[in-house]
């Protein structure tokens, strides 16, 4: 590293970014909502659930079911990283 020029302020050392405080349960609920919207859209547009795309609504339904399983897991306290140190 080179020495700073005289008369120029020295920038403070960079700090590591702190993790955000986010409710994991709320994130899971938003994901379930997104899968629900995807299910409604695939059922409302016939081209998205006919022919070779007949599995698309089932993918959205599986996302909703797995989301609720994940939500119950997080709500019981097993899905947070509070004790992970």
C-alpha atoms as a PDB file:
ATOM      1  CA  UNK A   1       0.000   0.000   0.000  1.00  0.00           C
ATOM      2  CA  UNK A   2       1.156   3.493  -0.695  1.00  0.00           C
ATOM      3  CA  UNK A   3       1.160   6.306   1.822  1.00  0.00           C
ATOM      4  CA  UNK A   4      -1.726   8.794   1.619  1.00  0.00           C
ATOM      5  CA  UNK A   5      -0.943  12.147   0.105  1.00  0.00           C
ATOM      6  CA  UNK A   6      -0.372  14.946   2.602  1.00  0.00           C
ATOM      7  CA  UNK A   7      -3.454  17.077   3.180  1.00  0.00           C
ATOM      8  CA  UNK A   8      -5.909  14.381   2.059  1.00  0.00           C
ATOM      9  CA  UNK A   9      -8.102  12.772   4.697  1.00  0.00           C
ATOM     10  CA  UNK A  10      -7.547   9.093   5.348  1.00  0.00           C
ATOM     11  CA  UNK A  11     -10.744   7.078   4.777  1.00  0.00           C
ATOM     12  CA  UNK A  12     -11.894   4.956   7.694  1.00  0.00           C
ATOM     13  CA  UNK A  13     -11.281   1.213   7.401  1.00  0.00           C
ATOM     14  CA  UNK A  14     -14.070  -0.741   5.765  1.00  0.00           C
ATOM     15  CA  UNK A  15     -16.409  -2.606   8.121  1.00  0.00           C
ATOM     16  CA  UNK A  16     -18.037  -5.930   7.419  1.00  0.00           C
ATOM     17  CA  UNK A  17     -21.735  -5.620   6.559  1.00  0.00           C
ATOM     18  CA  UNK A  18     -24.105  -6.645   9.327  1.00  0.00           C
ATOM     19  CA  UNK A  19     -26.826  -9.227   8.617  1.00  0.00           C
ATOM     20  CA  UNK A  20     -30.330  -7.907   8.115  1.00  0.00           C
ATOM     21  CA  UNK A  21     -32.981  -8.625  10.689  1.00  0.00           C
ATOM     22  CA  UNK A  22     -35.671 -10.382   8.645  1.00  0.00           C
ATOM     23  CA  UNK A  23     -38.625 -12.450   9.782  1.00  0.00           C
ATOM     24  CA  UNK A  24     -38.097 -15.849   8.157  1.00  0.00           C
ATOM     25  CA  UNK A  25     -41.762 -16.748   8.614  1.00  0.00           C
ATOM     26  CA  UNK A  26     -42.798 -13.625   6.700  1.00  0.00           C
ATOM     27  CA  UNK A  27     -40.442 -14.509   3.834  1.00  0.00           C
ATOM     28  CA  UNK A  28     -41.925 -18.018   3.661  1.00  0.00           C
ATOM     29  CA  UNK A  29     -45.460 -16.563   3.591  1.00  0.00           C
ATOM     30  CA  UNK A  30     -44.504 -14.272   0.709  1.00  0.00           C
ATOM     31  CA  UNK A  31     -43.172 -17.301  -1.150  1.00  0.00           C
ATOM     32  CA  UNK A  32     -46.421 -19.189  -0.568  1.00  0.00           C
ATOM     33  CA  UNK A  33     -48.298 -16.167  -1.892  1.00  0.00           C
ATOM     34  CA  UNK A  34     -46.133 -16.106  -5.002  1.00  0.00           C
ATOM     35  CA  UNK A  35     -46.846 -19.801  -5.639  1.00  0.00           C
ATOM     36  CA  UNK A  36     -50.574 -19.136  -5.141  1.00  0.00           C
ATOM     37  CA  UNK A  37     -50.474 -16.353  -7.729  1.00  0.00           C
ATOM     38  CA  UNK A  38     -48.602 -18.665 -10.104  1.00  0.00           C
ATOM     39  CA  UNK A  39     -51.304 -21.308  -9.607  1.00  0.00           C
ATOM     40  CA  UNK A  40     -54.100 -18.837 -10.356  1.00  0.00           C
ATOM     41  CA  UNK A  41     -52.322 -17.600 -13.484  1.00  0.00           C
ATOM     42  CA  UNK A  42     -51.652 -21.109 -14.799  1.00  0.00           C
ATOM     43  CA  UNK A  43     -55.277 -22.096 -14.241  1.00  0.00           C
ATOM     44  CA  UNK A  44     -56.659 -18.862 -15.738  1.00  0.00           C
ATOM     45  CA  UNK A  45     -54.666 -19.111 -18.981  1.00  0.00           C
ATOM     46  CA  UNK A  46     -55.579 -22.331 -20.797  1.00  0.00           C
ATOM     47  CA  UNK A  47     -52.343 -22.391 -22.808  1.00  0.00           C
ATOM     48  CA  UNK A  48     -50.412 -22.732 -19.534  1.00  0.00           C
ATOM     49  CA  UNK A  49     -52.081 -25.949 -18.390  1.00  0.00           C
ATOM     50  CA  UNK A  50     -52.879 -27.894 -21.534  1.00  0.00           C
ATOM     51  CA  UNK A  51     -50.808 -30.174 -23.715  1.00  0.00           C
ATOM     52  CA  UNK A  52     -47.206 -30.638 -22.667  1.00  0.00           C
ATOM     53  CA  UNK A  53     -47.649 -28.066 -19.887  1.00  0.00           C
ATOM     54  CA  UNK A  54     -50.272 -30.032 -17.978  1.00  0.00           C
ATOM     55  CA  UNK A  55     -47.861 -30.399 -15.036  1.00  0.00           C
ATOM     56  CA  UNK A  56     -47.457 -26.634 -14.424  1.00  0.00           C
ATOM     57  CA  UNK A  57     -50.418 -26.266 -12.009  1.00  0.00           C
ATOM     58  CA  UNK A  58     -49.131 -29.268 -10.049  1.00  0.00           C
ATOM     59  CA  UNK A  59     -45.749 -27.586  -9.697  1.00  0.00           C
ATOM     60  CA  UNK A  60     -47.439 -24.522  -8.189  1.00  0.00           C
ATOM     61  CA  UNK A  61     -49.555 -26.711  -5.901  1.00  0.00           C
ATOM     62  CA  UNK A  62     -46.428 -28.532  -4.723  1.00  0.00           C
ATOM     63  CA  UNK A  63     -44.768 -25.171  -4.027  1.00  0.00           C
ATOM     64  CA  UNK A  64     -47.715 -24.147  -1.854  1.00  0.00           C
ATOM     65  CA  UNK A  65     -47.757 -27.436   0.071  1.00  0.00           C
ATOM     66  CA  UNK A  66     -43.991 -27.413   0.615  1.00  0.00           C
ATOM     67  CA  UNK A  67     -44.217 -23.754   1.624  1.00  0.00           C
ATOM     68  CA  UNK A  68     -46.700 -24.578   4.367  1.00  0.00           C
ATOM     69  CA  UNK A  69     -44.466 -27.417   5.544  1.00  0.00           C
ATOM     70  CA  UNK A  70     -41.555 -24.988   5.669  1.00  0.00           C
ATOM     71  CA  UNK A  71     -43.704 -22.421   7.451  1.00  0.00           C
ATOM     72  CA  UNK A  72     -44.631 -24.907  10.177  1.00  0.00           C
ATOM     73  CA  UNK A  73     -40.941 -25.827  10.493  1.00  0.00           C
ATOM     74  CA  UNK A  74     -39.913 -22.179  10.870  1.00  0.00           C
ATOM     75  CA  UNK A  75     -42.732 -21.338  13.301  1.00  0.00           C
ATOM     76  CA  UNK A  76     -41.609 -24.115  15.664  1.00  0.00           C
ATOM     77  CA  UNK A  77     -38.211 -22.430  15.858  1.00  0.00           C
ATOM     78  CA  UNK A  78     -36.123 -24.951  13.976  1.00  0.00           C
ATOM     79  CA  UNK A  79     -35.654 -22.833  10.868  1.00  0.00           C
ATOM     80  CA  UNK A  80     -33.947 -19.840  12.444  1.00  0.00           C
ATOM     81  CA  UNK A  81     -30.245 -19.326  12.935  1.00  0.00           C
ATOM     82  CA  UNK A  82     -30.411 -17.679  16.375  1.00  0.00           C
ATOM     83  CA  UNK A  83     -28.334 -20.399  17.990  1.00  0.00           C
ATOM     84  CA  UNK A  84     -25.965 -21.031  15.077  1.00  0.00           C
ATOM     85  CA  UNK A  85     -22.622 -19.675  16.232  1.00  0.00           C
END
